[in-house]
Amino acid sequence: QVQLVESGGGLVQPGGSLRLSCAASGSVDSINVMGWYRQAPGKQRELVATITSIGNTNYADSVKGRFTISRLNAKNTVDLRMNSLKPEDTAVYYCKYFGPAYEYWGQGTQVTVSS
C-alpha cells in the first residue's frame, strides 16, 4: 500500500501562483510515475502533468508553459508549481502514484482561481 498526502492549494486571484506538494509513503518502489490530475465540477477528471522516476514529464496542453512538475526521489515527493493561473484552472487537484499494475490517489486539494 502507498499513502499520498497532498498540501497546498487554496484561493488565488487570476494571474497568481500556487504550489501543490504530494508526499508518498509506504510500499514505494523505485520505478513509478507520479502526477497531478484535476476535476472541475460537472467535468471528468483530467491529466494535468506527470513525471517519471527518471524525470520524463508530460503536460496537458492547457497548462504547458504555466505549470511545472518536479519530484524529489529521495523523499518520494512531487510538486506542481502553477503560474499565471486562470479561472478555468479551478478544480480539485489529485495526486496520483502509479506503475504498470497499480495506482494510488490522494484525497484531493481544492484550487480556486477567482477575483
N, C-alpha and C. Protein backbone atom coordinates (compact mmCIF):
# COMPACT_ATOMS: atom_id res chain seq x y z
N GLN A 1 0.82 -1.20 0.00
CA GLN A 1 0.00 0.00 0.00
C GLN A 1 0.86 1.26 0.00
N VAL A 2 0.36 2.27 -0.66
CA VAL A 2 1.03 3.57 -0.72
C VAL A 2 0.05 4.62 -0.25
N GLN A 3 0.51 5.50 0.60
CA GLN A 3 -0.31 6.61 1.07
C GLN A 3 0.22 7.90 0.46
N LEU A 4 -0.68 8.75 0.04
CA LEU A 4 -0.33 10.03 -0.57
C LEU A 4 -0.93 11.15 0.27
N VAL A 5 -0.10 12.10 0.64
CA VAL A 5 -0.56 13.25 1.41
C VAL A 5 -0.27 14.51 0.61
N GLU A 6 -1.32 15.24 0.30
CA GLU A 6 -1.20 16.45 -0.51
C GLU A 6 -1.23 17.68 0.39
N SER A 7 -0.61 18.74 -0.08
CA SER A 7 -0.65 20.02 0.62
C SER A 7 -0.58 21.13 -0.42
N GLY A 8 -0.95 22.32 0.01
CA GLY A 8 -1.01 23.44 -0.90
C GLY A 8 -2.44 23.68 -1.34
N GLY A 9 -2.60 24.44 -2.38
CA GLY A 9 -3.94 24.77 -2.84
C GLY A 9 -4.49 25.96 -2.10
N GLY A 10 -5.71 26.33 -2.43
CA GLY A 10 -6.35 27.46 -1.80
C GLY A 10 -6.97 28.40 -2.82
N LEU A 11 -7.16 29.62 -2.39
CA LEU A 11 -7.79 30.66 -3.22
C LEU A 11 -6.71 31.63 -3.72
N VAL A 12 -6.74 31.91 -5.01
CA VAL A 12 -5.77 32.83 -5.60
C VAL A 12 -6.46 33.65 -6.68
N GLN A 13 -5.97 34.84 -6.89
CA GLN A 13 -6.54 35.69 -7.93
C GLN A 13 -6.00 35.29 -9.30
N PRO A 14 -6.74 35.57 -10.35
CA PRO A 14 -6.24 35.29 -11.71
C PRO A 14 -4.87 35.93 -11.92
N GLY A 15 -3.99 35.17 -12.55
CA GLY A 15 -2.62 35.63 -12.75
C GLY A 15 -1.67 35.26 -11.63
N GLY A 16 -2.21 34.77 -10.55
CA GLY A 16 -1.39 34.42 -9.40
C GLY A 16 -0.75 33.05 -9.52
N SER A 17 -0.06 32.67 -8.44
CA SER A 17 0.68 31.41 -8.42
C SER A 17 0.34 30.60 -7.18
N LEU A 18 0.46 29.29 -7.31
CA LEU A 18 0.31 28.37 -6.20
C LEU A 18 1.25 27.20 -6.40
N ARG A 19 1.57 26.52 -5.29
CA ARG A 19 2.35 25.30 -5.37
C ARG A 19 1.65 24.20 -4.62
N LEU A 20 1.52 23.07 -5.27
CA LEU A 20 0.97 21.86 -4.65
C LEU A 20 2.11 20.89 -4.39
N SER A 21 2.02 20.20 -3.28
CA SER A 21 3.01 19.18 -2.95
C SER A 21 2.32 17.89 -2.58
N CYS A 22 2.98 16.77 -2.87
CA CYS A 22 2.44 15.45 -2.56
C CYS A 22 3.58 14.57 -2.09
N ALA A 23 3.37 13.91 -0.96
CA ALA A 23 4.39 13.02 -0.42
C ALA A 23 3.84 11.60 -0.38
N ALA A 24 4.61 10.65 -0.92
CA ALA A 24 4.23 9.25 -0.92
C ALA A 24 4.97 8.51 0.18
N SER A 25 4.26 7.61 0.84
CA SER A 25 4.87 6.79 1.87
C SER A 25 4.30 5.38 1.81
N GLY A 26 4.96 4.46 2.46
CA GLY A 26 4.51 3.08 2.44
C GLY A 26 5.37 2.26 1.49
N SER A 27 4.75 1.40 0.72
CA SER A 27 5.48 0.48 -0.17
C SER A 27 5.82 1.17 -1.49
N VAL A 28 6.66 2.17 -1.39
CA VAL A 28 7.07 2.93 -2.57
C VAL A 28 8.23 2.22 -3.23
N ASP A 29 8.14 1.99 -4.54
CA ASP A 29 9.27 1.38 -5.23
C ASP A 29 10.01 2.44 -6.04
N SER A 30 11.09 2.02 -6.66
CA SER A 30 11.99 2.98 -7.31
C SER A 30 11.57 3.33 -8.73
N ILE A 31 10.69 2.54 -9.32
CA ILE A 31 10.26 2.80 -10.70
C ILE A 31 8.76 3.07 -10.68
N ASN A 32 8.41 4.32 -10.88
CA ASN A 32 6.99 4.68 -10.83
C ASN A 32 6.78 6.01 -11.52
N VAL A 33 5.55 6.38 -11.60
CA VAL A 33 5.17 7.67 -12.16
C VAL A 33 4.34 8.39 -11.11
N MET A 34 4.61 9.65 -10.94
CA MET A 34 3.79 10.48 -10.06
C MET A 34 3.22 11.63 -10.88
N GLY A 35 2.06 12.09 -10.49
CA GLY A 35 1.47 13.15 -11.28
C GLY A 35 0.31 13.82 -10.59
N TRP A 36 -0.24 14.78 -11.29
CA TRP A 36 -1.39 15.55 -10.81
C TRP A 36 -2.50 15.50 -11.85
N TYR A 37 -3.69 15.29 -11.36
CA TYR A 37 -4.90 15.33 -12.15
C TYR A 37 -5.85 16.30 -11.49
N ARG A 38 -6.85 16.74 -12.23
CA ARG A 38 -7.82 17.67 -11.64
C ARG A 38 -9.22 17.36 -12.12
N GLN A 39 -10.17 17.75 -11.31
CA GLN A 39 -11.58 17.55 -11.65
C GLN A 39 -12.36 18.78 -11.27
N ALA A 40 -12.93 19.42 -12.26
CA ALA A 40 -13.78 20.58 -12.05
C ALA A 40 -15.22 20.11 -11.89
N PRO A 41 -16.07 20.91 -11.25
CA PRO A 41 -17.47 20.50 -11.06
C PRO A 41 -18.15 20.17 -12.39
N GLY A 42 -18.78 19.01 -12.44
CA GLY A 42 -19.50 18.61 -13.64
C GLY A 42 -18.64 18.10 -14.77
N LYS A 43 -17.34 17.98 -14.52
CA LYS A 43 -16.44 17.51 -15.57
C LYS A 43 -15.70 16.25 -15.13
N GLN A 44 -15.15 15.56 -16.10
CA GLN A 44 -14.36 14.37 -15.79
C GLN A 44 -12.98 14.75 -15.28
N ARG A 45 -12.40 13.84 -14.53
CA ARG A 45 -11.04 14.05 -14.05
C ARG A 45 -10.10 14.03 -15.26
N GLU A 46 -9.15 14.95 -15.27
CA GLU A 46 -8.25 15.05 -16.40
C GLU A 46 -6.79 15.18 -15.96
N LEU A 47 -5.92 14.78 -16.86
CA LEU A 47 -4.49 14.89 -16.61
C LEU A 47 -4.07 16.36 -16.55
N VAL A 48 -3.20 16.66 -15.59
CA VAL A 48 -2.54 17.96 -15.57
C VAL A 48 -1.08 17.78 -15.98
N ALA A 49 -0.36 16.93 -15.24
CA ALA A 49 1.05 16.68 -15.54
C ALA A 49 1.51 15.43 -14.83
N THR A 50 2.47 14.73 -15.45
CA THR A 50 3.07 13.57 -14.81
C THR A 50 4.58 13.64 -14.97
N ILE A 51 5.27 12.90 -14.11
CA ILE A 51 6.72 12.84 -14.17
C ILE A 51 7.16 11.45 -13.75
N THR A 52 8.05 10.85 -14.53
CA THR A 52 8.53 9.51 -14.20
C THR A 52 9.67 9.59 -13.19
N SER A 53 10.09 8.44 -12.72
CA SER A 53 11.17 8.40 -11.74
C SER A 53 12.50 8.83 -12.33
N ILE A 54 12.62 8.89 -13.67
CA ILE A 54 13.85 9.38 -14.29
C ILE A 54 13.67 10.78 -14.85
N GLY A 55 12.56 11.41 -14.54
CA GLY A 55 12.38 12.82 -14.85
C GLY A 55 11.69 13.16 -16.15
N ASN A 56 11.16 12.18 -16.84
CA ASN A 56 10.41 12.49 -18.06
C ASN A 56 9.05 13.07 -17.69
N THR A 57 8.69 14.17 -18.31
CA THR A 57 7.45 14.87 -17.97
C THR A 57 6.45 14.87 -19.12
N ASN A 58 5.20 15.03 -18.75
CA ASN A 58 4.11 15.13 -19.70
C ASN A 58 3.11 16.14 -19.15
N TYR A 59 2.67 17.07 -19.99
CA TYR A 59 1.75 18.11 -19.56
C TYR A 59 0.52 18.14 -20.45
N ALA A 60 -0.59 18.50 -19.86
CA ALA A 60 -1.78 18.81 -20.65
C ALA A 60 -1.50 20.09 -21.44
N ASP A 61 -2.04 20.17 -22.64
CA ASP A 61 -1.82 21.35 -23.47
C ASP A 61 -2.27 22.63 -22.76
N SER A 62 -3.32 22.52 -21.97
CA SER A 62 -3.90 23.71 -21.33
C SER A 62 -2.99 24.31 -20.26
N VAL A 63 -1.99 23.57 -19.80
CA VAL A 63 -1.13 24.09 -18.74
C VAL A 63 0.32 24.25 -19.18
N LYS A 64 0.63 23.84 -20.37
CA LYS A 64 2.02 23.96 -20.86
C LYS A 64 2.48 25.42 -20.82
N GLY A 65 3.69 25.61 -20.32
CA GLY A 65 4.24 26.96 -20.22
C GLY A 65 3.81 27.70 -18.96
N ARG A 66 2.85 27.16 -18.23
CA ARG A 66 2.38 27.82 -17.00
C ARG A 66 2.67 26.97 -15.76
N PHE A 67 2.56 25.67 -15.90
CA PHE A 67 2.74 24.75 -14.77
C PHE A 67 4.06 24.00 -14.94
N THR A 68 4.69 23.70 -13.81
CA THR A 68 5.93 22.92 -13.82
C THR A 68 5.84 21.83 -12.76
N ILE A 69 6.06 20.60 -13.19
CA ILE A 69 6.06 19.48 -12.26
C ILE A 69 7.50 19.08 -11.97
N SER A 70 7.75 18.72 -10.73
CA SER A 70 9.09 18.27 -10.34
C SER A 70 8.95 17.23 -9.24
N ARG A 71 10.00 16.45 -9.05
CA ARG A 71 9.94 15.45 -7.99
C ARG A 71 11.30 15.29 -7.35
N LEU A 72 11.27 14.81 -6.12
CA LEU A 72 12.49 14.52 -5.39
C LEU A 72 12.41 13.06 -4.99
N ASN A 73 13.13 12.22 -5.71
CA ASN A 73 13.02 10.78 -5.50
C ASN A 73 13.43 10.36 -4.08
N ALA A 74 14.43 11.04 -3.55
CA ALA A 74 14.92 10.67 -2.23
C ALA A 74 13.85 10.82 -1.16
N LYS A 75 12.90 11.72 -1.39
CA LYS A 75 11.84 11.96 -0.41
C LYS A 75 10.48 11.50 -0.92
N ASN A 76 10.45 10.92 -2.11
CA ASN A 76 9.19 10.45 -2.70
C ASN A 76 8.14 11.56 -2.71
N THR A 77 8.55 12.72 -3.16
CA THR A 77 7.62 13.85 -3.24
C THR A 77 7.53 14.37 -4.67
N VAL A 78 6.39 14.94 -4.97
CA VAL A 78 6.19 15.57 -6.27
C VAL A 78 5.52 16.92 -6.04
N ASP A 79 6.00 17.94 -6.72
CA ASP A 79 5.46 19.28 -6.61
C ASP A 79 4.88 19.72 -7.94
N LEU A 80 3.90 20.60 -7.87
CA LEU A 80 3.34 21.22 -9.06
C LEU A 80 3.35 22.72 -8.82
N ARG A 81 4.17 23.40 -9.57
CA ARG A 81 4.22 24.85 -9.49
C ARG A 81 3.29 25.41 -10.55
N MET A 82 2.32 26.19 -10.13
CA MET A 82 1.32 26.73 -11.05
C MET A 82 1.43 28.24 -11.11
N ASN A 83 1.73 28.76 -12.29
CA ASN A 83 1.83 30.20 -12.51
C ASN A 83 0.75 30.66 -13.48
N SER A 84 0.55 31.96 -13.52
CA SER A 84 -0.43 32.56 -14.44
C SER A 84 -1.77 31.83 -14.38
N LEU A 85 -2.24 31.62 -13.19
CA LEU A 85 -3.48 30.85 -13.01
C LEU A 85 -4.68 31.57 -13.60
N LYS A 86 -5.58 30.77 -14.14
CA LYS A 86 -6.80 31.26 -14.78
C LYS A 86 -8.02 30.71 -14.04
N PRO A 87 -9.15 31.37 -14.16
CA PRO A 87 -10.37 30.83 -13.52
C PRO A 87 -10.67 29.40 -13.95
N GLU A 88 -10.36 29.07 -15.18
CA GLU A 88 -10.63 27.71 -15.66
C GLU A 88 -9.71 26.66 -15.05
N ASP A 89 -8.72 27.08 -14.28
CA ASP A 89 -7.88 26.13 -13.54
C ASP A 89 -8.53 25.70 -12.23
N THR A 90 -9.64 26.32 -11.89
CA THR A 90 -10.34 25.97 -10.67
C THR A 90 -10.81 24.52 -10.71
N ALA A 91 -10.41 23.76 -9.70
CA ALA A 91 -10.75 22.34 -9.65
C ALA A 91 -10.21 21.75 -8.36
N VAL A 92 -10.59 20.51 -8.11
CA VAL A 92 -9.92 19.71 -7.08
C VAL A 92 -8.75 19.01 -7.76
N TYR A 93 -7.58 19.17 -7.20
CA TYR A 93 -6.37 18.59 -7.76
C TYR A 93 -5.99 17.34 -6.96
N TYR A 94 -5.73 16.26 -7.68
CA TYR A 94 -5.42 14.97 -7.06
C TYR A 94 -4.02 14.52 -7.43
N CYS A 95 -3.30 14.05 -6.46
CA CYS A 95 -2.00 13.45 -6.69
C CYS A 95 -2.21 11.97 -7.02
N LYS A 96 -1.42 11.46 -7.95
CA LYS A 96 -1.51 10.05 -8.34
C LYS A 96 -0.12 9.45 -8.37
N TYR A 97 -0.03 8.23 -7.88
CA TYR A 97 1.20 7.45 -7.90
C TYR A 97 0.86 6.14 -8.58
N PHE A 98 1.57 5.80 -9.64
CA PHE A 98 1.18 4.59 -10.35
C PHE A 98 2.33 3.93 -11.06
N GLY A 99 2.10 2.65 -11.36
CA GLY A 99 3.05 1.83 -12.07
C GLY A 99 2.31 0.92 -13.02
N PRO A 100 2.97 -0.09 -13.54
CA PRO A 100 2.34 -0.96 -14.55
C PRO A 100 1.07 -1.66 -14.05
N ALA A 101 1.03 -1.96 -12.77
CA ALA A 101 -0.10 -2.77 -12.30
C ALA A 101 -0.77 -2.19 -11.06
N TYR A 102 -0.56 -0.93 -10.78
CA TYR A 102 -1.15 -0.36 -9.58
C TYR A 102 -1.31 1.14 -9.75
N GLU A 103 -2.18 1.70 -8.94
CA GLU A 103 -2.33 3.14 -8.90
C GLU A 103 -2.92 3.53 -7.54
N TYR A 104 -2.49 4.65 -7.06
CA TYR A 104 -2.98 5.20 -5.80
C TYR A 104 -3.28 6.68 -5.99
N TRP A 105 -4.30 7.15 -5.29
CA TRP A 105 -4.73 8.54 -5.39
C TRP A 105 -4.68 9.21 -4.04
N GLY A 106 -4.38 10.50 -4.05
CA GLY A 106 -4.51 11.30 -2.86
C GLY A 106 -5.95 11.70 -2.64
N GLN A 107 -6.18 12.41 -1.55
CA GLN A 107 -7.56 12.77 -1.19
C GLN A 107 -8.06 13.99 -1.95
N GLY A 108 -7.15 14.73 -2.58
CA GLY A 108 -7.53 15.91 -3.35
C GLY A 108 -7.38 17.19 -2.55
N THR A 109 -7.04 18.26 -3.26
CA THR A 109 -6.94 19.58 -2.64
C THR A 109 -7.56 20.61 -3.58
N GLN A 110 -8.32 21.51 -3.01
CA GLN A 110 -9.08 22.47 -3.82
C GLN A 110 -8.19 23.64 -4.23
N VAL A 111 -8.28 23.98 -5.50
CA VAL A 111 -7.65 25.18 -6.04
C VAL A 111 -8.75 26.03 -6.65
N THR A 112 -8.88 27.25 -6.18
CA THR A 112 -9.90 28.17 -6.68
C THR A 112 -9.22 29.44 -7.17
N VAL A 113 -9.47 29.76 -8.43
CA VAL A 113 -8.90 30.97 -9.04
C VAL A 113 -10.05 31.94 -9.29
N SER A 114 -10.06 33.01 -8.52
CA SER A 114 -11.17 33.94 -8.59
C SER A 114 -10.74 35.29 -8.04
N SER A 115 -11.34 36.33 -8.60
CA SER A 115 -11.08 37.68 -8.09
C SER A 115 -12.13 38.07 -7.06
